[in-house]
All heavy atoms as atom14 arrays in JSON, in Angstrom:
{
  "sequence": "NKAVVNRIITVLGELETAFKEPFNRFSDTVGADAIDLNFEYIIHVSLY",
  "atom14_mask": [
    [1, 1, 1, 1, 1, 1, 1, 1, 0, 0, 0, 0, 0, 0],
    [1, 1, 1, 1, 1, 1, 1, 1, 1, 0, 0, 0, 0, 0],
    [1, 1, 1, 1, 1, 0, 0, 0, 0, 0, 0, 0, 0, 0],
    [1, 1, 1, 1, 1, 1, 1, 0, 0, 0, 0, 0, 0, 0],
    [1, 1, 1, 1, 1, 1, 1, 0, 0, 0, 0, 0, 0, 0],
    [1, 1, 1, 1, 1, 1, 1, 1, 0, 0, 0, 0, 0, 0],
    [1, 1, 1, 1, 1, 1, 1, 1, 1, 1, 1, 0, 0, 0],
    [1, 1, 1, 1, 1, 1, 1, 1, 0, 0, 0, 0, 0, 0],
    [1, 1, 1, 1, 1, 1, 1, 1, 0, 0, 0, 0, 0, 0],
    [1, 1, 1, 1, 1, 1, 1, 0, 0, 0, 0, 0, 0, 0],
    [1, 1, 1, 1, 1, 1, 1, 0, 0, 0, 0, 0, 0, 0],
    [1, 1, 1, 1, 1, 1, 1, 1, 0, 0, 0, 0, 0, 0],
    [1, 1, 1, 1, 0, 0, 0, 0, 0, 0, 0, 0, 0, 0],
    [1, 1, 1, 1, 1, 1, 1, 1, 1, 0, 0, 0, 0, 0],
    [1, 1, 1, 1, 1, 1, 1, 1, 0, 0, 0, 0, 0, 0],
    [1, 1, 1, 1, 1, 1, 1, 1, 1, 0, 0, 0, 0, 0],
    [1, 1, 1, 1, 1, 1, 1, 0, 0, 0, 0, 0, 0, 0],
    [1, 1, 1, 1, 1, 0, 0, 0, 0, 0, 0, 0, 0, 0],
    [1, 1, 1, 1, 1, 1, 1, 1, 1, 1, 1, 0, 0, 0],
    [1, 1, 1, 1, 1, 1, 1, 1, 1, 0, 0, 0, 0, 0],
    [1, 1, 1, 1, 1, 1, 1, 1, 1, 0, 0, 0, 0, 0],
    [1, 1, 1, 1, 1, 1, 1, 0, 0, 0, 0, 0, 0, 0],
    [1, 1, 1, 1, 1, 1, 1, 1, 1, 1, 1, 0, 0, 0],
    [1, 1, 1, 1, 1, 1, 1, 1, 0, 0, 0, 0, 0, 0],
    [1, 1, 1, 1, 1, 1, 1, 1, 1, 1, 1, 0, 0, 0],
    [1, 1, 1, 1, 1, 1, 1, 1, 1, 1, 1, 0, 0, 0],
    [1, 1, 1, 1, 1, 1, 0, 0, 0, 0, 0, 0, 0, 0],
    [1, 1, 1, 1, 1, 1, 1, 1, 0, 0, 0, 0, 0, 0],
    [1, 1, 1, 1, 1, 1, 1, 0, 0, 0, 0, 0, 0, 0],
    [1, 1, 1, 1, 1, 1, 1, 0, 0, 0, 0, 0, 0, 0],
    [1, 1, 1, 1, 0, 0, 0, 0, 0, 0, 0, 0, 0, 0],
    [1, 1, 1, 1, 1, 0, 0, 0, 0, 0, 0, 0, 0, 0],
    [1, 1, 1, 1, 1, 1, 1, 1, 0, 0, 0, 0, 0, 0],
    [1, 1, 1, 1, 1, 0, 0, 0, 0, 0, 0, 0, 0, 0],
    [1, 1, 1, 1, 1, 1, 1, 1, 0, 0, 0, 0, 0, 0],
    [1, 1, 1, 1, 1, 1, 1, 1, 0, 0, 0, 0, 0, 0],
    [1, 1, 1, 1, 1, 1, 1, 1, 0, 0, 0, 0, 0, 0],
    [1, 1, 1, 1, 1, 1, 1, 1, 0, 0, 0, 0, 0, 0],
    [1, 1, 1, 1, 1, 1, 1, 1, 1, 1, 1, 0, 0, 0],
    [1, 1, 1, 1, 1, 1, 1, 1, 1, 0, 0, 0, 0, 0],
    [1, 1, 1, 1, 1, 1, 1, 1, 1, 1, 1, 1, 0, 0],
    [1, 1, 1, 1, 1, 1, 1, 1, 0, 0, 0, 0, 0, 0],
    [1, 1, 1, 1, 1, 1, 1, 1, 0, 0, 0, 0, 0, 0],
    [1, 1, 1, 1, 1, 1, 1, 1, 1, 1, 0, 0, 0, 0],
    [1, 1, 1, 1, 1, 1, 1, 0, 0, 0, 0, 0, 0, 0],
    [1, 1, 1, 1, 1, 1, 0, 0, 0, 0, 0, 0, 0, 0],
    [1, 1, 1, 1, 1, 1, 1, 1, 0, 0, 0, 0, 0, 0],
    [1, 1, 1, 1, 1, 1, 1, 1, 1, 1, 1, 1, 0, 0]
  ],
  "atom14_positions": [
    [[36.03, -1.27, -5.94], [35.91, -2.24, -7.05], [35.07, -3.45, -6.66], [34.56, -3.38, -5.53], [37.37, -2.58, -7.41], [38.15, -3.25, -6.4], [37.67, -3.68, -5.28], [39.55, -3.14, -6.48], [0.0, 0.0, 0.0], [0.0, 0.0, 0.0], [0.0, 0.0, 0.0], [0.0, 0.0, 0.0], [0.0, 0.0, 0.0], [0.0, 0.0, 0.0]],
    [[35.13, -4.45, -7.43], [34.24, -5.65, -7.2], [34.69, -6.36, -5.88], [33.71, -6.72, -5.14], [34.4, -6.6, -8.29], [33.62, -6.22, -9.58], [33.73, -7.32, -10.6], [33.15, -6.9, -11.95], [33.12, -7.94, -12.92], [0.0, 0.0, 0.0], [0.0, 0.0, 0.0], [0.0, 0.0, 0.0], [0.0, 0.0, 0.0], [0.0, 0.0, 0.0]],
    [[36.02, -6.44, -5.59], [36.32, -6.98, -4.32], [35.79, -6.29, -3.07], [35.41, -6.9, -2.13], [37.8, -7.13, -4.29], [0.0, 0.0, 0.0], [0.0, 0.0, 0.0], [0.0, 0.0, 0.0], [0.0, 0.0, 0.0], [0.0, 0.0, 0.0], [0.0, 0.0, 0.0], [0.0, 0.0, 0.0], [0.0, 0.0, 0.0], [0.0, 0.0, 0.0]],
    [[35.94, -5.0, -3.13], [35.5, -4.13, -2.03], [33.9, -4.25, -1.84], [33.44, -4.38, -0.76], [35.88, -2.69, -2.23], [35.07, -1.74, -1.25], [37.29, -2.5, -2.23], [0.0, 0.0, 0.0], [0.0, 0.0, 0.0], [0.0, 0.0, 0.0], [0.0, 0.0, 0.0], [0.0, 0.0, 0.0], [0.0, 0.0, 0.0], [0.0, 0.0, 0.0]],
    [[33.21, -4.16, -2.9], [31.72, -4.34, -2.9], [31.37, -5.65, -2.47], [30.44, -5.86, -1.6], [31.13, -3.93, -4.22], [29.56, -4.27, -4.22], [31.29, -2.46, -4.68], [0.0, 0.0, 0.0], [0.0, 0.0, 0.0], [0.0, 0.0, 0.0], [0.0, 0.0, 0.0], [0.0, 0.0, 0.0], [0.0, 0.0, 0.0], [0.0, 0.0, 0.0]],
    [[32.04, -6.7, -2.98], [31.76, -8.08, -2.39], [31.93, -8.27, -0.9], [31.12, -8.88, -0.26], [32.6, -9.08, -3.13], [32.15, -9.31, -4.62], [31.16, -9.03, -4.93], [33.01, -9.8, -5.44], [0.0, 0.0, 0.0], [0.0, 0.0, 0.0], [0.0, 0.0, 0.0], [0.0, 0.0, 0.0], [0.0, 0.0, 0.0], [0.0, 0.0, 0.0]],
    [[32.96, -7.64, -0.27], [33.17, -7.62, 1.07], [32.09, -6.82, 1.8], [31.54, -7.31, 2.84], [34.56, -7.03, 1.33], [34.87, -7.05, 2.83], [35.13, -8.48, 3.4], [35.3, -8.42, 4.83], [34.67, -9.09, 5.66], [33.94, -10.12, 5.32], [34.97, -8.95, 6.91], [0.0, 0.0, 0.0], [0.0, 0.0, 0.0], [0.0, 0.0, 0.0]],
    [[31.67, -5.72, 1.32], [30.58, -4.96, 1.9], [29.33, -5.81, 1.86], [28.6, -5.86, 2.96], [30.37, -3.6, 1.16], [31.57, -2.72, 1.42], [29.18, -2.9, 1.51], [31.59, -1.46, 0.46], [0.0, 0.0, 0.0], [0.0, 0.0, 0.0], [0.0, 0.0, 0.0], [0.0, 0.0, 0.0], [0.0, 0.0, 0.0], [0.0, 0.0, 0.0]],
    [[29.02, -6.48, 0.79], [27.84, -7.22, 0.68], [27.88, -8.4, 1.84], [26.85, -8.7, 2.36], [27.59, -7.83, -0.67], [27.25, -6.83, -1.62], [26.54, -8.89, -0.69], [27.38, -7.16, -3.16], [0.0, 0.0, 0.0], [0.0, 0.0, 0.0], [0.0, 0.0, 0.0], [0.0, 0.0, 0.0], [0.0, 0.0, 0.0], [0.0, 0.0, 0.0]],
    [[29.03, -9.04, 1.86], [29.14, -10.08, 2.91], [29.0, -9.63, 4.33], [28.19, -10.2, 5.11], [30.56, -10.69, 2.85], [30.71, -11.17, 1.5], [30.76, -11.74, 3.79], [0.0, 0.0, 0.0], [0.0, 0.0, 0.0], [0.0, 0.0, 0.0], [0.0, 0.0, 0.0], [0.0, 0.0, 0.0], [0.0, 0.0, 0.0], [0.0, 0.0, 0.0]],
    [[29.53, -8.48, 4.63], [29.32, -7.84, 5.97], [27.98, -7.52, 6.27], [27.41, -7.76, 7.26], [30.3, -6.7, 6.17], [30.0, -5.99, 7.46], [31.83, -7.28, 6.13], [0.0, 0.0, 0.0], [0.0, 0.0, 0.0], [0.0, 0.0, 0.0], [0.0, 0.0, 0.0], [0.0, 0.0, 0.0], [0.0, 0.0, 0.0], [0.0, 0.0, 0.0]],
    [[27.34, -6.96, 5.28], [25.89, -6.5, 5.39], [25.02, -7.68, 5.71], [24.15, -7.68, 6.54], [25.38, -5.85, 4.13], [25.29, -4.34, 4.17], [24.88, -3.76, 2.78], [24.59, -3.78, 5.25], [0.0, 0.0, 0.0], [0.0, 0.0, 0.0], [0.0, 0.0, 0.0], [0.0, 0.0, 0.0], [0.0, 0.0, 0.0], [0.0, 0.0, 0.0]],
    [[25.17, -8.72, 4.88], [24.49, -10.03, 5.1], [24.62, -10.56, 6.49], [23.7, -11.07, 7.03], [0.0, 0.0, 0.0], [0.0, 0.0, 0.0], [0.0, 0.0, 0.0], [0.0, 0.0, 0.0], [0.0, 0.0, 0.0], [0.0, 0.0, 0.0], [0.0, 0.0, 0.0], [0.0, 0.0, 0.0], [0.0, 0.0, 0.0], [0.0, 0.0, 0.0]],
    [[25.85, -10.57, 6.93], [26.16, -11.16, 8.29], [25.46, -10.34, 9.27], [24.98, -10.77, 10.24], [27.72, -11.12, 8.49], [28.39, -12.16, 7.68], [29.91, -11.99, 7.71], [30.44, -11.03, 8.32], [30.53, -12.91, 7.21], [0.0, 0.0, 0.0], [0.0, 0.0, 0.0], [0.0, 0.0, 0.0], [0.0, 0.0, 0.0], [0.0, 0.0, 0.0]],
    [[25.48, -9.03, 9.18], [24.89, -8.01, 10.17], [23.32, -8.26, 10.12], [22.74, -8.21, 11.16], [25.3, -6.58, 9.92], [26.68, -6.19, 10.21], [27.0, -4.73, 9.68], [26.99, -6.34, 11.66], [0.0, 0.0, 0.0], [0.0, 0.0, 0.0], [0.0, 0.0, 0.0], [0.0, 0.0, 0.0], [0.0, 0.0, 0.0], [0.0, 0.0, 0.0]],
    [[22.68, -8.31, 8.94], [21.29, -8.52, 8.83], [20.8, -9.79, 9.45], [19.81, -9.86, 10.03], [20.89, -8.4, 7.36], [21.0, -7.03, 6.77], [20.94, -7.0, 5.24], [20.99, -8.0, 4.68], [20.81, -5.92, 4.7], [0.0, 0.0, 0.0], [0.0, 0.0, 0.0], [0.0, 0.0, 0.0], [0.0, 0.0, 0.0], [0.0, 0.0, 0.0]],
    [[21.63, -10.88, 9.28], [21.3, -12.1, 9.88], [21.49, -12.04, 11.42], [20.59, -12.59, 12.16], [22.26, -13.19, 9.24], [22.0, -13.18, 7.86], [21.88, -14.56, 9.89], [0.0, 0.0, 0.0], [0.0, 0.0, 0.0], [0.0, 0.0, 0.0], [0.0, 0.0, 0.0], [0.0, 0.0, 0.0], [0.0, 0.0, 0.0], [0.0, 0.0, 0.0]],
    [[22.53, -11.42, 11.91], [22.74, -11.35, 13.31], [21.8, -10.54, 14.14], [21.32, -10.87, 15.19], [24.23, -10.98, 13.53], [0.0, 0.0, 0.0], [0.0, 0.0, 0.0], [0.0, 0.0, 0.0], [0.0, 0.0, 0.0], [0.0, 0.0, 0.0], [0.0, 0.0, 0.0], [0.0, 0.0, 0.0], [0.0, 0.0, 0.0], [0.0, 0.0, 0.0]],
    [[21.43, -9.39, 13.6], [20.61, -8.4, 14.28], [19.17, -8.65, 14.2], [18.32, -8.21, 15.0], [20.94, -6.91, 13.89], [22.32, -6.52, 14.41], [23.2, -5.91, 13.42], [22.73, -6.53, 15.7], [24.51, -5.5, 13.88], [23.97, -6.13, 16.14], [24.91, -5.56, 15.16], [0.0, 0.0, 0.0], [0.0, 0.0, 0.0], [0.0, 0.0, 0.0]],
    [[18.7, -9.2, 13.17], [17.32, -9.51, 12.98], [16.46, -8.25, 12.72], [15.5, -8.37, 11.95], [16.57, -10.38, 14.15], [17.34, -11.69, 14.4], [17.23, -12.7, 13.28], [17.82, -13.95, 13.76], [18.29, -14.85, 12.69], [0.0, 0.0, 0.0], [0.0, 0.0, 0.0], [0.0, 0.0, 0.0], [0.0, 0.0, 0.0], [0.0, 0.0, 0.0]],
    [[16.71, -7.26, 13.44], [15.96, -5.98, 13.29], [16.63, -5.13, 12.22], [17.83, -5.16, 11.96], [15.98, -5.16, 14.58], [15.3, -5.78, 15.72], [13.76, -5.91, 15.45], [13.24, -4.83, 14.88], [13.22, -6.82, 15.79], [0.0, 0.0, 0.0], [0.0, 0.0, 0.0], [0.0, 0.0, 0.0], [0.0, 0.0, 0.0], [0.0, 0.0, 0.0]],
    [[15.79, -4.47, 11.38], [16.33, -3.68, 10.28], [17.08, -2.48, 10.79], [16.85, -1.94, 11.97], [15.03, -3.13, 9.49], [14.02, -3.23, 10.46], [14.3, -4.4, 11.42], [0.0, 0.0, 0.0], [0.0, 0.0, 0.0], [0.0, 0.0, 0.0], [0.0, 0.0, 0.0], [0.0, 0.0, 0.0], [0.0, 0.0, 0.0], [0.0, 0.0, 0.0]],
    [[18.09, -2.01, 10.0], [18.93, -0.86, 10.5], [19.34, -0.08, 9.19], [19.28, -0.58, 8.1], [20.21, -1.27, 11.16], [21.07, -2.21, 10.38], [22.13, -1.79, 9.66], [20.85, -3.58, 10.51], [22.87, -2.74, 8.88], [21.66, -4.51, 9.82], [22.73, -4.0, 9.08], [0.0, 0.0, 0.0], [0.0, 0.0, 0.0], [0.0, 0.0, 0.0]],
    [[19.32, 1.29, 9.4], [19.76, 2.15, 8.13], [21.29, 2.06, 7.92], [22.02, 1.64, 8.73], [19.28, 3.55, 8.52], [17.86, 3.74, 8.66], [17.03, 2.93, 8.18], [17.32, 4.58, 9.56], [0.0, 0.0, 0.0], [0.0, 0.0, 0.0], [0.0, 0.0, 0.0], [0.0, 0.0, 0.0], [0.0, 0.0, 0.0], [0.0, 0.0, 0.0]],
    [[21.56, 2.34, 6.64], [22.91, 2.31, 6.18], [23.51, 3.64, 5.73], [22.73, 4.51, 5.21], [22.99, 1.34, 4.89], [22.83, -0.07, 5.2], [21.37, -0.37, 4.91], [21.15, -1.83, 4.64], [20.67, -2.58, 5.46], [20.3, -2.24, 6.71], [20.44, -3.87, 5.2], [0.0, 0.0, 0.0], [0.0, 0.0, 0.0], [0.0, 0.0, 0.0]],
    [[24.69, 3.86, 6.08], [25.36, 5.17, 5.73], [26.84, 4.77, 5.08], [27.53, 4.08, 5.83], [25.54, 6.15, 6.79], [26.25, 7.37, 6.4], [25.7, 8.29, 5.68], [27.66, 7.54, 6.78], [26.52, 9.45, 5.24], [28.37, 8.59, 6.47], [27.73, 9.51, 5.61], [0.0, 0.0, 0.0], [0.0, 0.0, 0.0], [0.0, 0.0, 0.0]],
    [[27.04, 5.12, 3.9], [28.28, 4.82, 3.32], [29.01, 6.07, 2.98], [28.55, 6.95, 2.3], [28.25, 4.04, 1.98], [27.44, 2.85, 2.21], [0.0, 0.0, 0.0], [0.0, 0.0, 0.0], [0.0, 0.0, 0.0], [0.0, 0.0, 0.0], [0.0, 0.0, 0.0], [0.0, 0.0, 0.0], [0.0, 0.0, 0.0], [0.0, 0.0, 0.0]],
    [[30.33, 6.24, 3.43], [31.12, 7.45, 3.16], [32.29, 7.14, 2.14], [33.13, 6.33, 2.53], [31.72, 7.94, 4.48], [32.5, 9.21, 4.33], [32.75, 9.73, 3.09], [32.91, 9.78, 5.23], [0.0, 0.0, 0.0], [0.0, 0.0, 0.0], [0.0, 0.0, 0.0], [0.0, 0.0, 0.0], [0.0, 0.0, 0.0], [0.0, 0.0, 0.0]],
    [[32.05, 7.59, 0.96], [33.05, 7.19, -0.18], [33.87, 8.3, -0.42], [34.56, 8.37, -1.44], [32.22, 6.7, -1.35], [31.41, 7.77, -1.89], [31.38, 5.52, -1.06], [0.0, 0.0, 0.0], [0.0, 0.0, 0.0], [0.0, 0.0, 0.0], [0.0, 0.0, 0.0], [0.0, 0.0, 0.0], [0.0, 0.0, 0.0], [0.0, 0.0, 0.0]],
    [[33.95, 9.36, 0.39], [34.75, 10.61, 0.11], [36.19, 10.32, -0.1], [36.85, 10.81, -0.87], [34.44, 11.69, 1.17], [35.49, 12.81, 1.03], [33.07, 12.24, 1.09], [0.0, 0.0, 0.0], [0.0, 0.0, 0.0], [0.0, 0.0, 0.0], [0.0, 0.0, 0.0], [0.0, 0.0, 0.0], [0.0, 0.0, 0.0], [0.0, 0.0, 0.0]],
    [[36.68, 9.36, 0.66], [38.04, 8.88, 0.72], [38.37, 7.98, -0.58], [39.61, 7.84, -0.75], [0.0, 0.0, 0.0], [0.0, 0.0, 0.0], [0.0, 0.0, 0.0], [0.0, 0.0, 0.0], [0.0, 0.0, 0.0], [0.0, 0.0, 0.0], [0.0, 0.0, 0.0], [0.0, 0.0, 0.0], [0.0, 0.0, 0.0], [0.0, 0.0, 0.0]],
    [[37.47, 7.49, -1.34], [37.76, 6.72, -2.52], [38.29, 7.66, -3.57], [37.72, 8.72, -3.87], [36.57, 6.0, -2.97], [0.0, 0.0, 0.0], [0.0, 0.0, 0.0], [0.0, 0.0, 0.0], [0.0, 0.0, 0.0], [0.0, 0.0, 0.0], [0.0, 0.0, 0.0], [0.0, 0.0, 0.0], [0.0, 0.0, 0.0], [0.0, 0.0, 0.0]],
    [[39.39, 7.29, -4.23], [39.94, 8.01, -5.26], [39.66, 7.6, -6.68], [39.77, 8.27, -7.65], [41.46, 8.11, -5.14], [42.09, 6.75, -5.19], [41.32, 5.8, -5.12], [43.37, 6.87, -5.21], [0.0, 0.0, 0.0], [0.0, 0.0, 0.0], [0.0, 0.0, 0.0], [0.0, 0.0, 0.0], [0.0, 0.0, 0.0], [0.0, 0.0, 0.0]],
    [[38.9, 6.4, -6.78], [38.44, 5.87, -8.01], [37.39, 4.8, -7.79], [37.36, 4.23, -6.77], [39.57, 5.33, -8.76], [0.0, 0.0, 0.0], [0.0, 0.0, 0.0], [0.0, 0.0, 0.0], [0.0, 0.0, 0.0], [0.0, 0.0, 0.0], [0.0, 0.0, 0.0], [0.0, 0.0, 0.0], [0.0, 0.0, 0.0], [0.0, 0.0, 0.0]],
    [[36.55, 4.63, -8.86], [35.59, 3.58, -8.84], [35.77, 2.67, -10.15], [35.84, 3.25, -11.31], [34.2, 4.03, -8.83], [33.96, 4.86, -7.48], [33.06, 3.05, -8.94], [32.62, 5.58, -7.44], [0.0, 0.0, 0.0], [0.0, 0.0, 0.0], [0.0, 0.0, 0.0], [0.0, 0.0, 0.0], [0.0, 0.0, 0.0], [0.0, 0.0, 0.0]],
    [[35.87, 1.41, -9.99], [36.06, 0.56, -11.08], [35.04, -0.54, -11.07], [35.2, -1.62, -10.57], [37.49, -0.18, -11.03], [37.74, -1.06, -12.2], [37.06, -0.93, -13.08], [38.68, -1.98, -12.02], [0.0, 0.0, 0.0], [0.0, 0.0, 0.0], [0.0, 0.0, 0.0], [0.0, 0.0, 0.0], [0.0, 0.0, 0.0], [0.0, 0.0, 0.0]],
    [[33.82, -0.15, -11.45], [32.6, -1.06, -11.44], [31.93, -0.8, -12.89], [31.86, 0.35, -13.29], [31.62, -0.69, -10.42], [32.11, -0.8, -8.83], [31.15, -0.28, -7.99], [32.51, -2.21, -8.61], [0.0, 0.0, 0.0], [0.0, 0.0, 0.0], [0.0, 0.0, 0.0], [0.0, 0.0, 0.0], [0.0, 0.0, 0.0], [0.0, 0.0, 0.0]],
    [[31.32, -1.8, -13.43], [30.68, -1.78, -14.59], [29.19, -1.82, -14.36], [28.61, -2.26, -13.25], [31.03, -2.55, -15.63], [30.83, -4.11, -15.37], [29.78, -4.54, -14.83], [31.8, -4.93, -15.65], [0.0, 0.0, 0.0], [0.0, 0.0, 0.0], [0.0, 0.0, 0.0], [0.0, 0.0, 0.0], [0.0, 0.0, 0.0], [0.0, 0.0, 0.0]],
    [[28.31, -1.44, -15.25], [26.93, -1.37, -15.06], [26.31, -2.74, -14.8], [25.52, -3.04, -13.92], [26.27, -0.69, -16.34], [24.81, -0.51, -16.3], [24.23, 0.46, -15.43], [23.82, -1.31, -16.97], [22.89, 0.59, -15.32], [22.43, -1.15, -16.87], [22.06, -0.2, -16.06], [0.0, 0.0, 0.0], [0.0, 0.0, 0.0], [0.0, 0.0, 0.0]],
    [[26.76, -3.81, -15.56], [26.27, -5.18, -15.37], [26.6, -5.67, -13.93], [25.62, -6.19, -13.41], [27.03, -6.03, -16.42], [26.64, -7.49, -16.32], [27.35, -8.35, -17.33], [28.0, -7.96, -18.22], [27.16, -9.64, -17.12], [0.0, 0.0, 0.0], [0.0, 0.0, 0.0], [0.0, 0.0, 0.0], [0.0, 0.0, 0.0], [0.0, 0.0, 0.0]],
    [[27.69, -5.39, -13.35], [27.97, -5.67, -12.08], [26.98, -5.09, -11.05], [26.59, -5.66, -10.1], [29.49, -5.55, -11.69], [29.75, -5.89, -10.23], [29.85, -7.26, -9.9], [29.91, -4.95, -9.32], [30.09, -7.6, -8.64], [30.14, -5.26, -8.01], [30.27, -6.6, -7.63], [30.47, -6.91, -6.33], [0.0, 0.0, 0.0], [0.0, 0.0, 0.0]],
    [[26.85, -3.7, -11.22], [25.91, -2.99, -10.32], [24.47, -3.65, -10.33], [23.92, -3.68, -9.28], [25.96, -1.55, -10.66], [27.34, -0.87, -10.45], [24.91, -0.77, -9.98], [27.54, 0.35, -10.97], [0.0, 0.0, 0.0], [0.0, 0.0, 0.0], [0.0, 0.0, 0.0], [0.0, 0.0, 0.0], [0.0, 0.0, 0.0], [0.0, 0.0, 0.0]],
    [[23.99, -3.9, -11.51], [22.72, -4.55, -11.57], [22.66, -5.85, -10.95], [21.69, -6.27, -10.24], [22.28, -4.69, -13.15], [22.16, -3.31, -13.83], [21.0, -5.56, -13.29], [20.99, -2.36, -13.13], [0.0, 0.0, 0.0], [0.0, 0.0, 0.0], [0.0, 0.0, 0.0], [0.0, 0.0, 0.0], [0.0, 0.0, 0.0], [0.0, 0.0, 0.0]],
    [[23.71, -6.76, -11.17], [23.81, -7.99, -10.52], [23.77, -7.89, -8.99], [23.07, -8.55, -8.35], [25.11, -8.56, -10.9], [25.39, -9.94, -10.26], [24.93, -11.1, -10.48], [26.31, -10.16, -9.19], [25.33, -12.01, -9.67], [26.28, -11.46, -8.74], [0.0, 0.0, 0.0], [0.0, 0.0, 0.0], [0.0, 0.0, 0.0], [0.0, 0.0, 0.0]],
    [[24.5, -6.85, -8.44], [24.52, -6.72, -6.95], [23.14, -6.2, -6.41], [22.58, -6.7, -5.54], [25.73, -5.62, -6.58], [25.49, -5.21, -5.14], [27.02, -6.23, -6.82], [0.0, 0.0, 0.0], [0.0, 0.0, 0.0], [0.0, 0.0, 0.0], [0.0, 0.0, 0.0], [0.0, 0.0, 0.0], [0.0, 0.0, 0.0], [0.0, 0.0, 0.0]],
    [[22.55, -5.3, -7.21], [21.16, -4.79, -6.87], [20.13, -5.95, -6.81], [19.4, -6.03, -5.87], [20.73, -3.78, -7.84], [21.61, -2.67, -7.83], [0.0, 0.0, 0.0], [0.0, 0.0, 0.0], [0.0, 0.0, 0.0], [0.0, 0.0, 0.0], [0.0, 0.0, 0.0], [0.0, 0.0, 0.0], [0.0, 0.0, 0.0], [0.0, 0.0, 0.0]],
    [[20.18, -6.83, -7.85], [19.22, -7.89, -7.84], [19.57, -8.91, -6.69], [18.64, -9.44, -6.11], [19.24, -8.6, -9.26], [18.76, -7.82, -10.34], [18.94, -8.54, -11.68], [17.23, -7.58, -10.18], [0.0, 0.0, 0.0], [0.0, 0.0, 0.0], [0.0, 0.0, 0.0], [0.0, 0.0, 0.0], [0.0, 0.0, 0.0], [0.0, 0.0, 0.0]],
    [[20.8, -9.19, -6.46], [21.14, -10.09, -5.38], [20.69, -9.56, -4.02], [20.12, -10.22, -3.33], [22.68, -10.38, -5.34], [23.05, -11.09, -4.07], [22.94, -12.4, -4.02], [23.69, -10.41, -3.04], [23.3, -13.11, -2.87], [24.04, -11.01, -1.85], [23.81, -12.37, -1.8], [24.25, -13.09, -0.59], [0.0, 0.0, 0.0], [0.0, 0.0, 0.0]]
  ]
}
C-alpha cells in the first residue's frame, strides 16, 4: 500500500545518496497477498 511504497522510496533515496554509484534493483512481491494502490499514486511516485 502507500505506506509500504513510501518506506521503499525513502530507503532507496537513502541508499542512492549513501552509495553514490548506481545499483540495480530487485523486488520480490511474491509474499504480498494484496495491492492497494491507485493509478494516480503510481504516476505520482514515478514522477517523483
